[in-house]
Structure formats: C-alpha cells, structure tokens
Amino acid sequence: MRKRSLLVVNPSATTTTSRTRDVLIAALSRDLDVAVVTTEGRGHATELARKAAADGVDVVIALGGDGTINEVVNGLLADAPTERPAASVPALGIVPGGSANVLARTLGLPRDPVEATGALLAALRDDTVRVIGLGRLDERWFTFSAGMGVDAEVVQLVEARRVAGARSSPALWVRTATRGILFGTDRRKPSMTVRELEGGDAVAGLFLVIVSNTAPWTYLGRRAVNLSPAASFDTGLDLVGFRTLRTVPTLLAAGQMIWSAGGPTSRRALRLADRSGFEVTASRPVACQVDGDYVGTLDHAVFRSVPAALRVHAVPPAGDPM
C-alpha cells in the first residue's frame, strides 16, 4: 500500500531551484500518495505538520534546510505525549535543501537533494526507520543543537543579512561570527548560570551555553565543526559553557572545533555529557537559537532530553540493526 504522505516544501530553500523541486516531487509521487504544500512564511511548516499528524498521515517529508525541518518536527510533536512520543506521530522524511543541512548529514543522507531523494525512497520501500532522541528548550523541540549567547546573536545577524539579500554561505557565517564575537557581544560581564536537572551545584560565570543532542555541532562547508563529539541521538544532552570570550582563547577554541575531532579542550570551558537536562538562568535576557534559528531572548530556560522522540526514514548508523 502506498504511504499517505505530506511533502512540505520551502520555496526559499538555499540549494534547490524550482526545476529541481519539480523533479523531486515527481520522483516522490511515483512511490507515495503525496500531497504537496509550499510554505508561505515562518511557522507555516509547523502548522502543516501538526495538521498532518492529526490527520494520521504516514510520513511528513521536509524539503528545505534545518529551519524548515525544525518547524516540521515541532508540528509533528505539538500534540504528542511527552514521554517517548515516536510511536504516536508520523515518521519524518528529509530532502536537504539548505546550506548546512546538519540533521540530514548527521543522519547519513547525501548532500545532493536528488541523491537524498533516492536514499529516502529506498528507506521508504524497505521501511527503514531510525528512532532518535530529541531535545527541548522549554516548549520548543530541537534536533541537533540549541544555544544561548553569542551563537544565537550570530544567527540573528545572519538571518537579518539574508533578509537583506545575502546568500547563506560558510563565508557569511565566518564573517558574521568574527564580528559578533569581537565587536557585537558583551565579553566582560558573564550573565549565565547552569544547574543540572539531576542535581548538583550551580555553575556561574558563563558567557555562552550550547546544548548538543548529536554531533557535529554544525558544518562549515564540507568540514564538521565539533563541540561535543560524543553527543548522540541515543544518549542524553551534552552541554558546553564558555567562561571567557577573550580573543585568544576564543580563537583557539574555534580552531579546535574546526580542525580537531575532539573539539575544544580549554579548562575555561564547562563540559557536561549525557545528561537528562539543564536549567539556565541569566542576569539579563540572552539571545537563544534552536537548530540554527533565532527564537528571541530568555533569562530562564530549561533544556530536556526526550528519548525515542521521533521516527526518521534514514540510513542506520554503522552496526545498528535497526
């Protein structure tokens, strides 16, 4: 029986053209009973996926970047139970169309959208499904990363540049991050304190907090950028907190993230791995991002790990019999 499917298409996807999208839609339509809807603005993909979940479709496919996928995931899980919700919602399919495509690449999908569509169709035919854990920042789900501090400030600046017509690229991210860290953020007064939900002492004096649900943290072109290299969809959340944003230590940490598989090694960084969650409080509102999308400012946030949160039609990890 052909699976009932919804294809959510972001027409502004960075790496696909309208002609390419037509080819992908035709390929999917040959194997699936697919309805195609184009998003009309921010938040629309969430509405579409939420309705699809309520209608009981088999799979919702996101054609777009990490932001589109995040919206679809939040729609799928909007009305789901909070404990191990994967079995109660449609599965997710991904056709990468953004610039970084972190989730798709982490799941083993090809970077090329046509090849990724072929891999997705093969997974659908074989009913290959991977169940992954996700994270939550308060009520917002995230698939690979969420952060508070200068990383979110950089995301906000890049989004503004893209609205003004700039094309998303590794060079744009590097330029914006460099300016943001050196000139755009407060590097003198740390504002954040972290406490594990499992208990323990609070750790204060943090400028930047990044929570990872998997690795790598992101990609810079073809190169993986590692922050918490042991983070995994199959474990709890990892956290890295930075106690300094001074120029030399920050540049050293950035270089280690790009060039070392082990990520930054500074003793000035707080590292917590495989935890159920964290509470972050701030002395002033701090910029926040989830999966590379700016979501506003917060002075209090709770991050939680949710195991077995979502079924994804994707390549199984090595050694995993599915």
Protein backbone atom coordinates (compact mmCIF):
# COMPACT_ATOMS: atom_id res chain seq x y z
CA MET A 1 0.00 0.00 0.00
CA ARG A 2 1.27 3.46 -0.91
CA LYS A 3 2.09 5.53 2.15
CA ARG A 4 0.00 8.65 2.77
CA SER A 5 2.50 11.47 2.79
CA LEU A 6 2.75 15.22 3.08
CA LEU A 7 5.64 16.99 1.37
CA VAL A 8 6.35 20.37 2.96
CA VAL A 9 8.35 22.50 0.52
CA ASN A 10 10.24 25.65 1.47
CA PRO A 11 10.38 27.63 -1.81
CA SER A 12 13.28 29.67 -0.43
CA ALA A 13 15.46 26.62 0.20
CA THR A 14 19.04 27.69 -0.44
CA THR A 15 20.33 24.85 -2.61
CA THR A 16 17.33 23.88 -4.74
CA THR A 17 15.72 25.53 -7.75
CA SER A 18 12.08 25.32 -8.77
CA ARG A 19 13.07 22.93 -11.57
CA THR A 20 14.92 20.66 -9.14
CA ARG A 21 11.98 20.70 -6.76
CA ASP A 22 9.65 19.66 -9.60
CA VAL A 23 11.89 16.67 -10.36
CA LEU A 24 11.99 15.66 -6.69
CA ILE A 25 8.22 15.95 -6.33
CA ALA A 26 7.70 13.80 -9.42
CA ALA A 27 10.06 11.14 -8.07
CA LEU A 28 8.33 11.02 -4.70
CA SER A 29 4.89 10.92 -6.31
CA ARG A 30 5.74 7.71 -8.16
CA ASP A 31 6.08 5.78 -4.88
CA LEU A 32 3.87 7.72 -2.48
CA ASP A 33 0.35 9.03 -2.16
CA VAL A 34 1.74 12.50 -1.62
CA ALA A 35 0.16 15.89 -1.04
CA VAL A 36 2.49 18.83 -1.72
CA VAL A 37 2.24 22.11 0.17
CA THR A 38 4.54 25.13 -0.16
CA THR A 39 5.27 27.16 2.96
CA GLU A 40 4.27 30.81 2.97
CA GLY A 41 6.29 32.11 5.89
CA ARG A 42 7.81 31.40 9.26
CA GLY A 43 5.78 28.95 11.33
CA HIS A 44 3.74 27.65 8.40
CA ALA A 45 5.60 24.32 8.26
CA THR A 46 4.70 23.74 11.91
CA GLU A 47 1.01 24.30 11.20
CA LEU A 48 1.11 21.94 8.21
CA ALA A 49 2.89 19.16 10.09
CA ARG A 50 0.60 19.48 13.10
CA LYS A 51 -2.46 19.06 10.88
CA ALA A 52 -0.84 16.11 9.09
CA ALA A 53 -0.25 14.40 12.43
CA ALA A 54 -3.88 14.98 13.41
CA ASP A 55 -5.00 13.57 10.04
CA GLY A 56 -2.96 10.40 10.58
CA VAL A 57 -0.65 10.54 7.56
CA ASP A 58 2.18 8.00 7.48
CA VAL A 59 5.13 10.28 6.79
CA VAL A 60 5.81 14.01 6.58
CA ILE A 61 8.70 14.95 4.30
CA ALA A 62 10.51 18.27 4.73
CA LEU A 63 12.18 19.75 1.65
CA GLY A 64 14.27 22.59 2.99
CA GLY A 65 17.00 23.45 5.44
CA ASP A 66 17.38 22.83 9.15
CA GLY A 67 14.90 25.60 10.00
CA THR A 68 12.16 24.01 7.90
CA ILE A 69 12.89 20.59 9.40
CA ASN A 70 12.76 22.03 12.92
CA GLU A 71 9.36 23.56 12.22
CA VAL A 72 8.06 20.26 10.85
CA VAL A 73 9.35 18.38 13.90
CA ASN A 74 7.66 20.86 16.23
CA GLY A 75 4.41 20.42 14.33
CA LEU A 76 4.59 16.63 14.42
CA LEU A 77 5.15 16.61 18.18
CA ALA A 78 2.89 19.52 19.13
CA ASP A 79 0.08 17.28 20.42
CA ALA A 80 2.11 14.16 21.20
CA PRO A 81 2.69 12.64 24.65
CA THR A 82 5.79 13.98 26.39
CA GLU A 83 7.29 10.53 27.12
CA ARG A 84 8.71 8.52 24.17
CA PRO A 85 6.32 10.06 21.62
CA ALA A 86 7.82 8.49 18.47
CA ALA A 87 5.23 5.74 18.08
CA SER A 88 2.29 8.15 18.21
CA VAL A 89 3.24 10.55 15.38
CA PRO A 90 4.03 10.26 11.66
CA ALA A 91 7.58 9.47 10.65
CA LEU A 92 9.84 12.20 9.28
CA GLY A 93 11.46 12.18 5.85
CA ILE A 94 14.11 14.70 4.79
CA VAL A 95 15.21 16.11 1.45
CA PRO A 96 18.00 18.59 2.29
CA GLY A 97 17.67 21.98 0.65
CA GLY A 98 19.52 24.34 2.98
CA SER A 99 23.13 25.44 3.28
CA ALA A 100 24.39 23.42 6.28
CA ASN A 101 21.78 20.60 6.39
CA VAL A 102 23.13 19.47 9.75
CA LEU A 103 20.40 16.99 10.66
CA ALA A 104 20.28 15.38 7.22
CA ARG A 105 24.04 14.95 7.04
CA THR A 106 24.26 13.66 10.60
CA LEU A 107 21.67 11.04 9.69
CA GLY A 108 23.79 9.94 6.75
CA LEU A 109 21.77 11.44 3.90
CA PRO A 110 23.63 12.64 0.78
CA ARG A 111 24.15 16.39 0.45
CA ASP A 112 22.73 16.42 -3.07
CA PRO A 113 18.91 16.71 -2.88
CA VAL A 114 18.36 14.38 -5.85
CA GLU A 115 20.57 11.68 -4.34
CA ALA A 116 18.97 12.28 -0.94
CA THR A 117 15.54 11.73 -2.50
CA GLY A 118 16.76 8.41 -3.88
CA ALA A 119 18.03 7.41 -0.43
CA LEU A 120 14.73 8.45 1.14
CA LEU A 121 12.72 6.42 -1.37
CA ALA A 122 14.91 3.38 -0.69
CA ALA A 123 14.35 3.79 3.05
CA LEU A 124 10.60 4.10 2.49
CA ARG A 125 10.47 0.99 0.28
CA ASP A 126 12.44 -1.02 2.85
CA ASP A 127 10.56 0.61 5.74
CA THR A 128 13.92 1.58 7.22
CA VAL A 129 13.17 3.71 10.27
CA ARG A 130 15.52 5.08 12.89
CA VAL A 131 14.13 6.17 16.26
CA ILE A 132 16.04 9.15 17.64
CA GLY A 133 16.01 11.18 20.81
CA LEU A 134 15.47 14.94 20.68
CA GLY A 135 15.94 17.92 22.94
CA ARG A 136 13.57 20.59 24.19
CA LEU A 137 14.26 24.19 25.10
CA ASP A 138 11.20 24.90 27.23
CA GLU A 139 8.36 24.00 24.81
CA ARG A 140 10.46 24.19 21.61
CA TRP A 141 11.88 20.93 20.22
CA PHE A 142 15.36 20.81 18.70
CA THR A 143 17.03 18.05 16.72
CA PHE A 144 20.77 18.75 16.94
CA SER A 145 21.59 21.89 18.94
CA ALA A 146 20.32 24.85 20.94
CA GLY A 147 22.26 27.73 22.39
CA MET A 148 22.13 30.86 24.50
CA GLY A 149 24.54 33.72 23.95
CA VAL A 150 26.72 34.91 21.12
CA ASP A 151 25.99 31.92 18.86
CA ALA A 152 22.33 32.95 18.84
CA GLU A 153 23.33 36.59 18.31
CA VAL A 154 25.27 35.50 15.22
CA VAL A 155 22.27 33.51 13.96
CA GLN A 156 20.11 36.63 14.35
CA LEU A 157 22.64 38.74 12.42
CA VAL A 158 22.89 36.18 9.60
CA GLU A 159 19.10 35.99 9.34
CA ALA A 160 18.99 39.78 9.00
CA ARG A 161 21.65 39.67 6.28
CA ARG A 162 19.70 37.01 4.40
CA VAL A 163 16.52 39.08 4.58
CA ALA A 164 18.55 41.92 3.06
CA GLY A 165 19.52 39.66 0.16
CA ALA A 166 22.76 37.95 1.23
CA ARG A 167 23.17 34.29 0.31
CA SER A 168 23.84 31.85 3.13
CA SER A 169 27.39 30.54 2.83
CA PRO A 170 30.28 29.46 5.07
CA ALA A 171 31.99 32.80 4.37
CA LEU A 172 28.93 34.74 5.56
CA TRP A 173 28.81 32.74 8.78
CA VAL A 174 32.54 33.15 9.47
CA ARG A 175 32.50 36.91 8.84
CA THR A 176 29.39 37.42 10.95
CA ALA A 177 30.65 35.24 13.80
CA THR A 178 34.01 37.03 13.89
CA ARG A 179 32.39 40.46 14.02
CA GLY A 180 29.80 39.32 16.53
CA ILE A 181 32.33 37.86 18.95
CA LEU A 182 34.88 40.67 18.65
CA PHE A 183 32.57 43.67 18.49
CA GLY A 184 28.92 42.74 18.98
CA THR A 185 28.61 40.96 22.31
CA ASP A 186 29.42 41.71 25.94
CA ARG A 187 32.75 39.98 26.59
CA ARG A 188 33.30 41.45 30.06
CA LYS A 189 30.25 40.52 32.15
CA PRO A 190 29.19 36.86 32.10
CA SER A 191 25.46 36.51 32.61
CA MET A 192 24.54 32.81 32.78
CA THR A 193 24.39 30.11 35.44
CA VAL A 194 23.83 26.41 34.72
CA ARG A 195 22.36 23.76 37.01
CA GLU A 196 21.80 20.11 36.09
CA LEU A 197 18.22 18.91 36.48
CA GLU A 198 19.56 15.76 38.14
CA GLY A 199 21.01 17.88 40.94
CA GLY A 200 24.42 19.21 41.88
CA ASP A 201 25.97 22.61 42.33
CA ALA A 202 25.18 25.51 40.05
CA VAL A 203 27.99 26.79 37.81
CA ALA A 204 28.01 30.56 37.29
CA GLY A 205 30.05 32.98 35.22
CA LEU A 206 29.19 31.74 31.72
CA PHE A 207 29.08 33.90 28.59
CA LEU A 208 27.85 31.23 26.18
CA VAL A 209 25.95 27.95 26.65
CA ILE A 210 25.49 25.42 23.84
CA VAL A 211 23.48 22.22 24.30
CA SER A 212 24.01 19.39 21.81
CA ASN A 213 21.73 16.46 21.01
CA THR A 214 24.16 14.95 18.49
CA ALA A 215 27.48 15.61 16.78
CA PRO A 216 28.79 17.51 14.97
CA TRP A 217 27.56 20.88 16.19
CA THR A 218 27.39 22.19 12.63
CA TYR A 219 29.21 22.10 9.30
CA LEU A 220 31.41 24.70 7.66
CA GLY A 221 31.17 23.70 4.03
CA ARG A 222 32.27 20.07 3.95
CA ARG A 223 34.03 20.22 7.31
CA ALA A 224 32.34 19.10 10.51
CA VAL A 225 32.58 21.55 13.42
CA ASN A 226 32.88 19.59 16.66
CA LEU A 227 31.83 20.93 20.02
CA SER A 228 30.59 17.83 21.90
CA PRO A 229 31.86 14.97 19.70
CA ALA A 230 30.39 12.22 21.91
CA ALA A 231 26.85 13.64 21.74
CA SER A 232 24.37 11.24 20.16
CA PHE A 233 20.69 10.81 19.31
CA ASP A 234 20.85 7.72 21.53
CA THR A 235 22.09 9.41 24.71
CA GLY A 236 21.16 12.42 26.82
CA LEU A 237 22.16 16.02 26.16
CA ASP A 238 25.69 17.43 26.23
CA LEU A 239 26.49 20.99 27.31
CA VAL A 240 29.48 23.24 26.79
CA GLY A 241 29.63 26.55 28.63
CA PHE A 242 32.30 29.18 27.94
CA ARG A 243 33.71 31.18 30.86
CA THR A 244 35.59 33.59 28.62
CA LEU A 245 35.17 35.22 25.22
CA ARG A 246 38.59 36.87 25.24
CA THR A 247 40.11 36.97 21.78
CA VAL A 248 42.97 34.47 22.04
CA PRO A 249 41.13 31.70 23.96
CA THR A 250 38.07 32.11 21.74
CA LEU A 251 40.07 31.87 18.52
CA LEU A 252 41.91 28.83 19.91
CA ALA A 253 38.62 27.13 20.79
CA ALA A 254 37.18 27.94 17.36
CA GLY A 255 40.23 26.43 15.67
CA GLN A 256 39.96 23.27 17.75
CA MET A 257 36.26 22.94 16.87
CA ILE A 258 37.06 23.15 13.15
CA TRP A 259 40.34 21.22 12.96
CA SER A 260 40.17 18.75 15.85
CA ALA A 261 37.75 15.83 16.05
CA GLY A 262 37.81 16.16 19.83
CA GLY A 263 36.53 19.74 19.93
CA PRO A 264 37.75 22.50 22.27
CA THR A 265 39.91 21.45 25.23
CA SER A 266 40.13 24.68 27.24
CA ARG A 267 39.97 24.33 31.01
CA ARG A 268 37.92 27.52 30.99
CA ALA A 269 35.03 25.62 29.42
CA LEU A 270 32.35 23.77 31.39
CA ARG A 271 31.64 20.32 29.92
CA LEU A 272 28.70 18.10 30.85
CA ALA A 273 27.82 14.94 28.91
CA ASP A 274 24.85 12.56 28.59
CA ARG A 275 22.56 14.42 30.99
CA SER A 276 18.77 14.44 31.28
CA GLY A 277 18.66 18.22 31.19
CA PHE A 278 19.80 21.61 32.42
CA GLU A 279 18.37 24.80 33.84
CA VAL A 280 19.96 28.05 32.69
CA THR A 281 19.32 31.37 34.41
CA ALA A 282 20.65 34.71 33.21
CA SER A 283 21.05 38.10 34.85
CA ARG A 284 19.69 39.73 31.69
CA PRO A 285 17.77 38.49 28.62
CA VAL A 286 20.06 36.40 26.41
CA ALA A 287 19.65 35.58 22.71
CA CYS A 288 18.57 31.98 22.00
CA GLN A 289 18.68 29.69 18.95
CA VAL A 290 17.39 26.21 18.18
CA ASP A 291 18.73 24.23 15.21
CA GLY A 292 20.22 27.42 13.79
CA ASP A 293 17.05 29.53 14.03
CA TYR A 294 16.88 32.62 16.24
CA VAL A 295 13.94 32.35 18.66
CA GLY A 296 14.23 35.51 20.78
CA THR A 297 15.67 36.24 24.22
CA LEU A 298 15.26 34.50 27.57
CA ASP A 299 16.54 34.99 31.10
CA HIS A 300 15.49 31.48 32.15
CA ALA A 301 15.41 28.26 30.14
CA VAL A 302 15.08 24.54 30.78
CA PHE A 303 16.68 22.06 28.39
CA ARG A 304 15.43 18.45 28.50
CA SER A 305 16.41 15.25 26.74
CA VAL A 306 13.49 13.24 25.32
CA PRO A 307 14.45 9.67 24.32
CA ALA A 308 12.66 7.85 21.49
CA ALA A 309 11.02 11.08 20.37
CA LEU A 310 10.80 10.67 16.59
CA ARG A 311 10.92 8.08 13.81
CA VAL A 312 13.02 9.11 10.82
CA HIS A 313 13.36 7.37 7.46
CA ALA A 314 17.14 7.49 7.26
CA VAL A 315 20.32 5.49 6.94
CA PRO A 316 21.01 3.42 10.09
CA PRO A 317 24.28 4.15 11.91
CA ALA A 318 27.09 1.63 11.46
CA GLY A 319 26.47 -1.50 13.49
CA ASP A 320 22.85 -0.62 14.22
CA PRO A 321 20.49 -3.40 13.06
CA MET A 322 17.54 -1.03 13.32
